[in-house]
Amino acid sequence: MKPLILIVSQDPEFFLIFSHILDADGFSCELAARSAAGRLCADKKPVAVIVDCQADDESAPALCKQLKHGEATRHISIAALVAPKADIQHLELLKAGIDECFIRPFAPANLLSYLRTARATSRSQTDGPESLNHDGLQLDLETYRVRYGDRDIHLAPIEFRLLRHLMRSPGKVFHRQELVQAAWPDNRQVDARSVDVHVAKLRKMLKQAMNKDLIRTVRSAGYALATTDM
């Protein structure tokens, strides 16, 4: 069975074009109305969701937030296709937890590369359970589960990949470009502002769960996972 991509759009022509491209790369596609996207994601568990964002569209961030806060949908990768110069919409999508934004016009190959990564991640092809532990924080690389004590910390895929990278080398300062390569595996054009936004979201969620700031900001350099000897 082909992995499913859910396309949220009000433009049938847009759906036909992208479904043809994705079908040729081994995906199946289904068109979803904005109002039905949450239910379809929960029922059908797509590999990823593509959201067609028009310049005056104010509902896309709300949909992203809904999916990222849903127990059955929060692990699904979400990509937005954003109109050019829609800077405010782009920022709102980042705040809502979007996994990737493609600014029109963009090369379809970049979207396909992202979806292949999402497909590989969803398969969770690991040889056995592996975990990272730091200062009481536990990260399971097989189940993508993050816990502190008896409390689950629900992270979006980008925040999970950032934390995973930081936890593999506690205390090491990672430059933003290194974090781009770790959290955006296809090394697409991601600016420093996007890295800062996602690190800030990760820091906030960890601080809420642990009641302390686990991420250290190194001015003009990057970020590191704080250790007790610092």
C-alpha atoms as a PDB file:
ATOM      1  CA  MET A   1       0.000   0.000   0.000  1.00  0.00           C
ATOM      2  CA  LYS A   2       1.295   3.440  -0.936  1.00  0.00           C
ATOM      3  CA  PRO A   3       1.916   5.881   1.923  1.00  0.00           C
ATOM      4  CA  LEU A   4      -0.852   8.479   2.147  1.00  0.00           C
ATOM      5  CA  ILE A   5      -0.386  12.237   1.835  1.00  0.00           C
ATOM      6  CA  LEU A   6      -3.351  14.384   2.842  1.00  0.00           C
ATOM      7  CA  ILE A   7      -3.622  17.597   0.800  1.00  0.00           C
ATOM      8  CA  VAL A   8      -5.667  20.368   2.402  1.00  0.00           C
ATOM      9  CA  SER A   9      -6.769  22.771  -0.314  1.00  0.00           C
ATOM     10  CA  GLN A  10      -9.819  24.484  -1.769  1.00  0.00           C
ATOM     11  CA  ASP A  11      -8.328  24.345  -5.260  1.00  0.00           C
ATOM     12  CA  PRO A  12      -9.082  21.087  -7.146  1.00  0.00           C
ATOM     13  CA  GLU A  13      -6.581  21.993  -9.861  1.00  0.00           C
ATOM     14  CA  PHE A  14      -3.842  22.393  -7.228  1.00  0.00           C
ATOM     15  CA  PHE A  15      -4.707  18.936  -5.885  1.00  0.00           C
ATOM     16  CA  LEU A  16      -4.635  17.322  -9.333  1.00  0.00           C
ATOM     17  CA  ILE A  17      -1.209  18.776 -10.128  1.00  0.00           C
ATOM     18  CA  PHE A  18       0.417  17.746  -6.847  1.00  0.00           C
ATOM     19  CA  SER A  19      -1.312  14.381  -6.632  1.00  0.00           C
ATOM     20  CA  HIS A  20       0.109  13.538 -10.068  1.00  0.00           C
ATOM     21  CA  ILE A  21       3.625  14.529  -8.931  1.00  0.00           C
ATOM     22  CA  LEU A  22       3.363  12.583  -5.674  1.00  0.00           C
ATOM     23  CA  ASP A  23       1.796   9.528  -7.284  1.00  0.00           C
ATOM     24  CA  ALA A  24       4.784   9.278  -9.623  1.00  0.00           C
ATOM     25  CA  ASP A  25       7.040   9.199  -6.554  1.00  0.00           C
ATOM     26  CA  GLY A  26       5.160   6.374  -4.852  1.00  0.00           C
ATOM     27  CA  PHE A  27       2.634   8.234  -2.698  1.00  0.00           C
ATOM     28  CA  SER A  28      -1.148   8.161  -2.710  1.00  0.00           C
ATOM     29  CA  CYS A  29      -3.046  11.419  -2.148  1.00  0.00           C
ATOM     30  CA  GLU A  30      -6.393  12.466  -0.781  1.00  0.00           C
ATOM     31  CA  LEU A  31      -7.987  15.903  -0.914  1.00  0.00           C
ATOM     32  CA  ALA A  32      -9.360  17.232   2.386  1.00  0.00           C
ATOM     33  CA  ALA A  33     -11.410  20.252   3.305  1.00  0.00           C
ATOM     34  CA  ARG A  34      -9.993  22.365   6.111  1.00  0.00           C
ATOM     35  CA  SER A  35     -12.900  21.435   8.395  1.00  0.00           C
ATOM     36  CA  ALA A  36     -12.415  17.682   7.893  1.00  0.00           C
ATOM     37  CA  ALA A  37      -8.607  17.525   8.040  1.00  0.00           C
ATOM     38  CA  GLY A  38      -8.387  16.717  11.754  1.00  0.00           C
ATOM     39  CA  ARG A  39     -10.820  13.804  11.555  1.00  0.00           C
ATOM     40  CA  LEU A  40      -9.206  12.383   8.423  1.00  0.00           C
ATOM     41  CA  CYS A  41      -5.728  12.604   9.959  1.00  0.00           C
ATOM     42  CA  ALA A  42      -6.881  10.766  13.072  1.00  0.00           C
ATOM     43  CA  ASP A  43      -8.663   8.079  11.056  1.00  0.00           C
ATOM     44  CA  LYS A  44      -6.243   7.499   8.191  1.00  0.00           C
ATOM     45  CA  LYS A  45      -2.853   8.342   9.774  1.00  0.00           C
ATOM     46  CA  PRO A  46      -1.219   9.922   6.695  1.00  0.00           C
ATOM     47  CA  VAL A  47       2.560  10.144   6.423  1.00  0.00           C
ATOM     48  CA  ALA A  48       2.238  13.909   6.057  1.00  0.00           C
ATOM     49  CA  VAL A  49      -0.221  16.739   5.512  1.00  0.00           C
ATOM     50  CA  ILE A  50       0.290  19.417   2.868  1.00  0.00           C
ATOM     51  CA  VAL A  51      -1.578  22.663   3.544  1.00  0.00           C
ATOM     52  CA  ASP A  52      -2.232  24.975   0.600  1.00  0.00           C
ATOM     53  CA  CYS A  53      -1.922  28.488   2.099  1.00  0.00           C
ATOM     54  CA  GLN A  54      -3.208  31.471   0.145  1.00  0.00           C
ATOM     55  CA  ALA A  55      -1.993  34.988   0.863  1.00  0.00           C
ATOM     56  CA  ASP A  56      -5.130  36.006   2.775  1.00  0.00           C
ATOM     57  CA  ASP A  57      -5.568  32.656   4.542  1.00  0.00           C
ATOM     58  CA  GLU A  58      -5.820  33.054   8.325  1.00  0.00           C
ATOM     59  CA  SER A  59      -7.046  29.531   9.102  1.00  0.00           C
ATOM     60  CA  ALA A  60      -3.895  27.552   8.282  1.00  0.00           C
ATOM     61  CA  PRO A  61      -2.089  28.287  11.597  1.00  0.00           C
ATOM     62  CA  ALA A  62      -5.229  27.267  13.520  1.00  0.00           C
ATOM     63  CA  LEU A  63      -5.374  23.963  11.635  1.00  0.00           C
ATOM     64  CA  CYS A  64      -1.691  23.329  12.290  1.00  0.00           C
ATOM     65  CA  LYS A  65      -2.163  24.038  15.994  1.00  0.00           C
ATOM     66  CA  GLN A  66      -5.174  21.712  16.113  1.00  0.00           C
ATOM     67  CA  LEU A  67      -3.237  18.835  14.567  1.00  0.00           C
ATOM     68  CA  LYS A  68      -0.146  19.371  16.701  1.00  0.00           C
ATOM     69  CA  HIS A  69      -2.195  19.360  19.893  1.00  0.00           C
ATOM     70  CA  GLY A  70      -4.246  16.288  18.990  1.00  0.00           C
ATOM     71  CA  GLU A  71      -3.146  13.068  20.669  1.00  0.00           C
ATOM     72  CA  ALA A  72      -3.758  11.040  17.511  1.00  0.00           C
ATOM     73  CA  THR A  73      -2.283  13.567  15.068  1.00  0.00           C
ATOM     74  CA  ARG A  74       0.592  15.368  16.798  1.00  0.00           C
ATOM     75  CA  HIS A  75       3.282  13.105  15.280  1.00  0.00           C
ATOM     76  CA  ILE A  76       2.111  13.660  11.686  1.00  0.00           C
ATOM     77  CA  SER A  77       4.443  15.862   9.652  1.00  0.00           C
ATOM     78  CA  ILE A  78       2.826  19.044   8.320  1.00  0.00           C
ATOM     79  CA  ALA A  79       4.149  21.139   5.439  1.00  0.00           C
ATOM     80  CA  ALA A  80       2.689  24.466   4.347  1.00  0.00           C
ATOM     81  CA  LEU A  81       2.955  25.921   0.860  1.00  0.00           C
ATOM     82  CA  VAL A  82       3.051  29.642   1.587  1.00  0.00           C
ATOM     83  CA  ALA A  83       2.446  32.576  -0.725  1.00  0.00           C
ATOM     84  CA  PRO A  84       5.489  34.809  -1.390  1.00  0.00           C
ATOM     85  CA  LYS A  85       6.023  37.744   0.981  1.00  0.00           C
ATOM     86  CA  ALA A  86       3.485  36.338   3.456  1.00  0.00           C
ATOM     87  CA  ASP A  87       5.929  36.920   6.330  1.00  0.00           C
ATOM     88  CA  ILE A  88       3.284  37.256   9.047  1.00  0.00           C
ATOM     89  CA  GLN A  89       1.561  34.038   7.985  1.00  0.00           C
ATOM     90  CA  HIS A  90       4.932  32.260   7.884  1.00  0.00           C
ATOM     91  CA  LEU A  91       5.722  33.326  11.451  1.00  0.00           C
ATOM     92  CA  GLU A  92       2.255  32.324  12.702  1.00  0.00           C
ATOM     93  CA  LEU A  93       2.685  28.881  11.148  1.00  0.00           C
ATOM     94  CA  LEU A  94       6.033  28.464  12.905  1.00  0.00           C
ATOM     95  CA  LYS A  95       4.457  29.433  16.217  1.00  0.00           C
ATOM     96  CA  ALA A  96       1.661  26.920  15.597  1.00  0.00           C
ATOM     97  CA  GLY A  97       4.188  24.091  15.230  1.00  0.00           C
ATOM     98  CA  ILE A  98       4.432  23.641  11.470  1.00  0.00           C
ATOM     99  CA  ASP A  99       7.181  21.211  10.503  1.00  0.00           C
ATOM    100  CA  GLU A 100       8.138  22.834   7.205  1.00  0.00           C
ATOM    101  CA  CYS A 101       7.227  25.835   5.066  1.00  0.00           C
ATOM    102  CA  PHE A 102       7.823  26.050   1.339  1.00  0.00           C
ATOM    103  CA  ILE A 103       7.630  29.569  -0.066  1.00  0.00           C
ATOM    104  CA  ARG A 104       6.163  29.727  -3.546  1.00  0.00           C
ATOM    105  CA  PRO A 105       7.549  29.319  -6.097  1.00  0.00           C
ATOM    106  CA  PHE A 106       9.612  26.281  -5.083  1.00  0.00           C
ATOM    107  CA  ALA A 107      11.036  23.226  -6.799  1.00  0.00           C
ATOM    108  CA  PRO A 108       8.741  20.172  -6.455  1.00  0.00           C
ATOM    109  CA  ALA A 109      11.892  18.120  -5.845  1.00  0.00           C
ATOM    110  CA  ASN A 110      12.317  19.882  -2.491  1.00  0.00           C
ATOM    111  CA  LEU A 111       8.819  18.891  -1.409  1.00  0.00           C
ATOM    112  CA  LEU A 112       9.386  15.307  -2.547  1.00  0.00           C
ATOM    113  CA  SER A 113      12.624  15.160  -0.584  1.00  0.00           C
ATOM    114  CA  TYR A 114      10.798  16.353   2.529  1.00  0.00           C
ATOM    115  CA  LEU A 115       8.030  13.772   2.081  1.00  0.00           C
ATOM    116  CA  ARG A 116      10.536  10.954   1.597  1.00  0.00           C
ATOM    117  CA  THR A 117      12.096  11.906   4.931  1.00  0.00           C
ATOM    118  CA  ALA A 118       8.654  11.996   6.565  1.00  0.00           C
ATOM    119  CA  ARG A 119       7.922   8.550   5.132  1.00  0.00           C
ATOM    120  CA  ALA A 120      11.198   7.166   6.477  1.00  0.00           C
ATOM    121  CA  THR A 121      10.541   8.687   9.893  1.00  0.00           C
ATOM    122  CA  SER A 122       7.037   7.244  10.062  1.00  0.00           C
ATOM    123  CA  ARG A 123       8.369   3.757   9.429  1.00  0.00           C
ATOM    124  CA  SER A 124      10.603   4.055  12.543  1.00  0.00           C
ATOM    125  CA  GLN A 125      13.070   1.554  11.131  1.00  0.00           C
ATOM    126  CA  THR A 126      15.316   0.908  14.107  1.00  0.00           C
ATOM    127  CA  ASP A 127      16.969  -2.340  15.203  1.00  0.00           C
ATOM    128  CA  GLY A 128      15.797  -2.012  18.800  1.00  0.00           C
ATOM    129  CA  PRO A 129      14.916   0.449  21.532  1.00  0.00           C
ATOM    130  CA  GLU A 130      17.449   3.173  22.084  1.00  0.00           C
ATOM    131  CA  SER A 131      17.177   6.100  24.430  1.00  0.00           C
ATOM    132  CA  LEU A 132      19.017   9.211  25.528  1.00  0.00           C
ATOM    133  CA  ASN A 133      19.007  10.426  29.120  1.00  0.00           C
ATOM    134  CA  HIS A 134      20.093  13.731  30.589  1.00  0.00           C
ATOM    135  CA  ASP A 135      19.312  15.296  33.944  1.00  0.00           C
ATOM    136  CA  GLY A 136      16.198  13.170  34.400  1.00  0.00           C
ATOM    137  CA  LEU A 137      14.992  13.775  30.842  1.00  0.00           C
ATOM    138  CA  GLN A 138      14.444  10.607  28.797  1.00  0.00           C
ATOM    139  CA  LEU A 139      14.190  10.489  25.010  1.00  0.00           C
ATOM    140  CA  ASP A 140      13.218   7.221  23.324  1.00  0.00           C
ATOM    141  CA  LEU A 141      14.539   7.093  19.766  1.00  0.00           C
ATOM    142  CA  GLU A 142      12.263   4.227  18.755  1.00  0.00           C
ATOM    143  CA  THR A 143       8.916   5.490  19.997  1.00  0.00           C
ATOM    144  CA  TYR A 144       9.734   9.226  19.729  1.00  0.00           C
ATOM    145  CA  ARG A 145       8.591   9.609  23.320  1.00  0.00           C
ATOM    146  CA  VAL A 146      10.026  12.259  25.648  1.00  0.00           C
ATOM    147  CA  ARG A 147       9.479  11.975  29.401  1.00  0.00           C
ATOM    148  CA  TYR A 148      10.562  13.727  32.557  1.00  0.00           C
ATOM    149  CA  GLY A 149       9.740  11.631  35.595  1.00  0.00           C
ATOM    150  CA  ASP A 150       6.238  10.287  35.021  1.00  0.00           C
ATOM    151  CA  ARG A 151       5.279  13.152  32.712  1.00  0.00           C
ATOM    152  CA  ASP A 152       5.188  12.985  28.909  1.00  0.00           C
ATOM    153  CA  ILE A 153       6.487  16.002  26.997  1.00  0.00           C
ATOM    154  CA  HIS A 154       4.754  16.230  23.613  1.00  0.00           C
ATOM    155  CA  LEU A 155       7.138  17.664  21.018  1.00  0.00           C
ATOM    156  CA  ALA A 156       6.603  18.380  17.341  1.00  0.00           C
ATOM    157  CA  PRO A 157       9.042  16.599  14.963  1.00  0.00           C
ATOM    158  CA  ILE A 158      11.385  19.571  14.554  1.00  0.00           C
ATOM    159  CA  GLU A 159      11.633  20.171  18.312  1.00  0.00           C
ATOM    160  CA  PHE A 160      12.177  16.437  18.832  1.00  0.00           C
ATOM    161  CA  ARG A 161      15.058  16.398  16.337  1.00  0.00           C
ATOM    162  CA  LEU A 162      16.612  19.493  17.920  1.00  0.00           C
ATOM    163  CA  LEU A 163      16.441  17.942  21.385  1.00  0.00           C
ATOM    164  CA  ARG A 164      17.806  14.637  20.110  1.00  0.00           C
ATOM    165  CA  HIS A 165      20.803  16.401  18.586  1.00  0.00           C
ATOM    166  CA  LEU A 166      21.494  18.443  21.725  1.00  0.00           C
ATOM    167  CA  MET A 167      21.138  15.403  24.008  1.00  0.00           C
ATOM    168  CA  ARG A 168      23.671  13.407  22.032  1.00  0.00           C
ATOM    169  CA  SER A 169      26.398  15.868  23.072  1.00  0.00           C
ATOM    170  CA  PRO A 170      25.448  17.670  26.331  1.00  0.00           C
ATOM    171  CA  GLY A 171      27.448  20.833  26.868  1.00  0.00           C
ATOM    172  CA  LYS A 172      28.589  21.103  23.270  1.00  0.00           C
ATOM    173  CA  VAL A 173      27.700  24.370  21.557  1.00  0.00           C
ATOM    174  CA  PHE A 174      25.968  23.786  18.242  1.00  0.00           C
ATOM    175  CA  HIS A 175      25.941  26.557  15.658  1.00  0.00           C
ATOM    176  CA  ARG A 176      22.609  27.305  14.045  1.00  0.00           C
ATOM    177  CA  GLN A 177      23.670  25.772  10.739  1.00  0.00           C
ATOM    178  CA  GLU A 178      24.464  22.505  12.525  1.00  0.00           C
ATOM    179  CA  LEU A 179      20.986  22.555  14.040  1.00  0.00           C
ATOM    180  CA  VAL A 180      19.474  23.211  10.614  1.00  0.00           C
ATOM    181  CA  GLN A 181      21.158  20.068   9.307  1.00  0.00           C
ATOM    182  CA  ALA A 182      19.947  18.066  12.313  1.00  0.00           C
ATOM    183  CA  ALA A 183      16.342  19.280  12.458  1.00  0.00           C
ATOM    184  CA  TRP A 184      15.746  19.834   8.742  1.00  0.00           C
ATOM    185  CA  PRO A 185      17.472  16.692   7.386  1.00  0.00           C
ATOM    186  CA  ASP A 186      17.285  17.675   3.733  1.00  0.00           C
ATOM    187  CA  ASN A 187      19.222  20.860   4.529  1.00  0.00           C
ATOM    188  CA  ARG A 188      16.753  23.147   2.824  1.00  0.00           C
ATOM    189  CA  GLN A 189      17.132  26.892   3.067  1.00  0.00           C
ATOM    190  CA  VAL A 190      16.197  27.596   6.673  1.00  0.00           C
ATOM    191  CA  ASP A 191      17.189  30.915   8.203  1.00  0.00           C
ATOM    192  CA  ALA A 192      18.521  31.603  11.698  1.00  0.00           C
ATOM    193  CA  ARG A 193      15.184  33.112  12.723  1.00  0.00           C
ATOM    194  CA  SER A 194      13.419  29.794  12.171  1.00  0.00           C
ATOM    195  CA  VAL A 195      16.011  27.984  14.286  1.00  0.00           C
ATOM    196  CA  ASP A 196      15.577  30.545  17.080  1.00  0.00           C
ATOM    197  CA  VAL A 197      11.778  30.186  16.985  1.00  0.00           C
ATOM    198  CA  HIS A 198      11.891  26.405  17.298  1.00  0.00           C
ATOM    199  CA  VAL A 199      14.586  26.439  19.992  1.00  0.00           C
ATOM    200  CA  ALA A 200      12.472  28.936  21.952  1.00  0.00           C
ATOM    201  CA  LYS A 201       9.467  26.604  21.696  1.00  0.00           C
ATOM    202  CA  LEU A 202      11.571  23.640  22.824  1.00  0.00           C
ATOM    203  CA  ARG A 203      13.038  25.612  25.715  1.00  0.00           C
ATOM    204  CA  LYS A 204       9.577  26.706  26.877  1.00  0.00           C
ATOM    205  CA  MET A 205       8.154  23.169  26.827  1.00  0.00           C
ATOM    206  CA  LEU A 206      11.140  21.716  28.699  1.00  0.00           C
ATOM    207  CA  LYS A 207      11.036  24.503  31.271  1.00  0.00           C
ATOM    208  CA  GLN A 208       7.329  23.925  31.893  1.00  0.00           C
ATOM    209  CA  ALA A 209       7.955  20.226  32.504  1.00  0.00           C
ATOM    210  CA  MET A 210      11.248  20.432  34.410  1.00  0.00           C
ATOM    211  CA  ASN A 211      10.917  23.822  36.107  1.00  0.00           C
ATOM    212  CA  LYS A 212      14.399  24.799  34.899  1.00  0.00           C
ATOM    213  CA  ASP A 213      16.059  26.046  31.734  1.00  0.00           C
ATOM    214  CA  LEU A 214      17.880  23.150  30.096  1.00  0.00           C
ATOM    215  CA  ILE A 215      19.036  24.991  26.971  1.00  0.00           C
ATOM    216  CA  ARG A 216      21.928  27.434  27.125  1.00  0.00           C
ATOM    217  CA  THR A 217      22.184  30.265  24.602  1.00  0.00           C
ATOM    218  CA  VAL A 218      25.725  31.182  23.590  1.00  0.00           C
ATOM    219  CA  ARG A 219      25.737  34.679  22.135  1.00  0.00           C
ATOM    220  CA  SER A 220      26.885  34.866  18.501  1.00  0.00           C
ATOM    221  CA  ALA A 221      27.472  31.117  18.508  1.00  0.00           C
ATOM    222  CA  GLY A 222      24.415  28.917  19.040  1.00  0.00           C
ATOM    223  CA  TYR A 223      22.867  26.641  21.634  1.00  0.00           C
ATOM    224  CA  ALA A 224      23.946  23.909  24.021  1.00  0.00           C
ATOM    225  CA  LEU A 225      22.299  21.532  26.457  1.00  0.00           C
ATOM    226  CA  ALA A 226      23.198  22.777  29.929  1.00  0.00           C
ATOM    227  CA  THR A 227      25.135  20.459  32.218  1.00  0.00           C
ATOM    228  CA  THR A 228      25.484  20.545  35.986  1.00  0.00           C
ATOM    229  CA  ASP A 229      29.160  21.546  35.833  1.00  0.00           C
ATOM    230  CA  MET A 230      28.408  24.741  33.882  1.00  0.00           C
END
